[in-house]
Every structure is written in structure tokens, then in C-alpha cells.
Amino acid sequence: MAMTVRLPEELDAQLTALAERRHTSKHALLIEAADRFLREEVTTEQAVTIARGVADRYSELLKKLEDA
């Protein structure tokens, strides 16, 4: 899927410099960045879901500890 990405000049310059250092393209860096971001978001969502489950499961115990 093709898309156009408009970057602020400073971000574009930083991306260009990184691409040059890595001997790759800005396109490849943006693909890598998007992939990392999505994997981190999934991990965060999973952690939040687990934390909510723990909180629900142990809510009475947590309340007792809070009151102690």
C-alpha cells in the first residue's frame, strides 16, 4: 500500500542522517519504526489486560491490605 508521509524538516533531517549511517533507506527505517511501535502497543495492551485481570481477581485482598 502506498502512502505519503509529511515529516517536519528536523525529523526528516534526523531520519536522513540515520539512514545514511545505517546504509539503508528512510523507507526501511519508517517500516522498522512502525513495526516496533505496533509490537510495543500490543505488549502494552496485553500488560494492561493482565493487570486489570489481577486487580479484578484480587480486589478484595487489595482492599483489605489498603485498609490495614
Protein backbone atom coordinates (compact mmCIF):
# COMPACT_ATOMS: atom_id res chain seq x y z
CA MET A 1 0.00 0.00 0.00
CA ALA A 2 1.41 3.37 -0.97
CA MET A 3 1.13 6.40 1.26
CA THR A 4 2.69 9.81 1.62
CA VAL A 5 4.28 10.81 4.91
CA ARG A 6 4.89 14.50 5.57
CA LEU A 7 7.58 14.95 8.19
CA PRO A 8 8.74 18.11 9.93
CA GLU A 9 12.06 19.26 8.46
CA GLU A 10 14.08 18.43 11.57
CA LEU A 11 12.66 14.91 11.83
CA ASP A 12 13.31 14.36 8.13
CA ALA A 13 16.92 15.51 8.57
CA GLN A 14 17.41 13.16 11.52
CA LEU A 15 15.87 10.30 9.56
CA THR A 16 18.10 11.06 6.58
CA ALA A 17 21.21 11.10 8.78
CA LEU A 18 20.26 7.80 10.44
CA ALA A 19 19.55 6.18 7.08
CA GLU A 20 22.97 7.27 5.85
CA ARG A 21 24.70 5.91 8.97
CA ARG A 22 22.90 2.60 8.64
CA HIS A 23 23.33 2.43 4.86
CA THR A 24 19.61 1.97 4.38
CA SER A 25 16.63 3.98 3.16
CA LYS A 26 14.29 6.24 5.06
CA HIS A 27 11.50 3.97 3.87
CA ALA A 28 13.14 0.97 5.57
CA LEU A 29 13.58 2.96 8.78
CA LEU A 30 9.93 4.02 8.80
CA ILE A 31 8.83 0.41 8.27
CA GLU A 32 11.06 -0.67 11.18
CA ALA A 33 9.75 2.14 13.39
CA ALA A 34 6.11 1.32 12.61
CA ASP A 35 6.72 -2.36 13.32
CA ARG A 36 8.39 -1.60 16.66
CA PHE A 37 5.62 0.79 17.64
CA LEU A 38 2.88 -1.71 16.89
CA ARG A 39 4.66 -4.52 18.76
CA GLU A 40 5.12 -2.24 21.79
CA GLU A 41 1.47 -1.20 21.69
CA VAL A 42 0.34 -4.84 21.63
CA THR A 43 2.65 -5.61 24.55
CA THR A 44 1.30 -2.62 26.48
CA GLU A 45 -2.29 -3.64 25.79
CA GLN A 46 -1.54 -7.18 26.94
CA ALA A 47 0.10 -5.90 30.14
CA VAL A 48 -2.86 -3.64 30.89
CA THR A 49 -5.29 -6.51 30.30
CA ILE A 50 -3.31 -8.77 32.63
CA ALA A 51 -3.07 -6.04 35.29
CA ARG A 52 -6.81 -5.43 35.13
CA GLY A 53 -7.44 -9.14 35.48
CA VAL A 54 -5.18 -9.34 38.52
CA ALA A 55 -6.82 -6.29 40.05
CA ASP A 56 -10.28 -7.78 39.50
CA ARG A 57 -9.25 -11.18 40.79
CA TYR A 58 -7.62 -9.85 43.94
CA SER A 59 -9.70 -6.72 44.50
CA GLU A 60 -10.99 -7.86 47.90
CA LEU A 61 -7.49 -8.72 49.11
CA LEU A 62 -6.11 -5.44 47.81
CA LYS A 63 -8.88 -3.55 49.62
CA LYS A 64 -8.09 -5.38 52.88
CA LEU A 65 -4.40 -4.56 52.51
CA GLU A 66 -5.25 -0.94 51.76
CA ASP A 67 -7.34 -0.73 54.94
CA ALA A 68 -4.70 -2.45 57.11
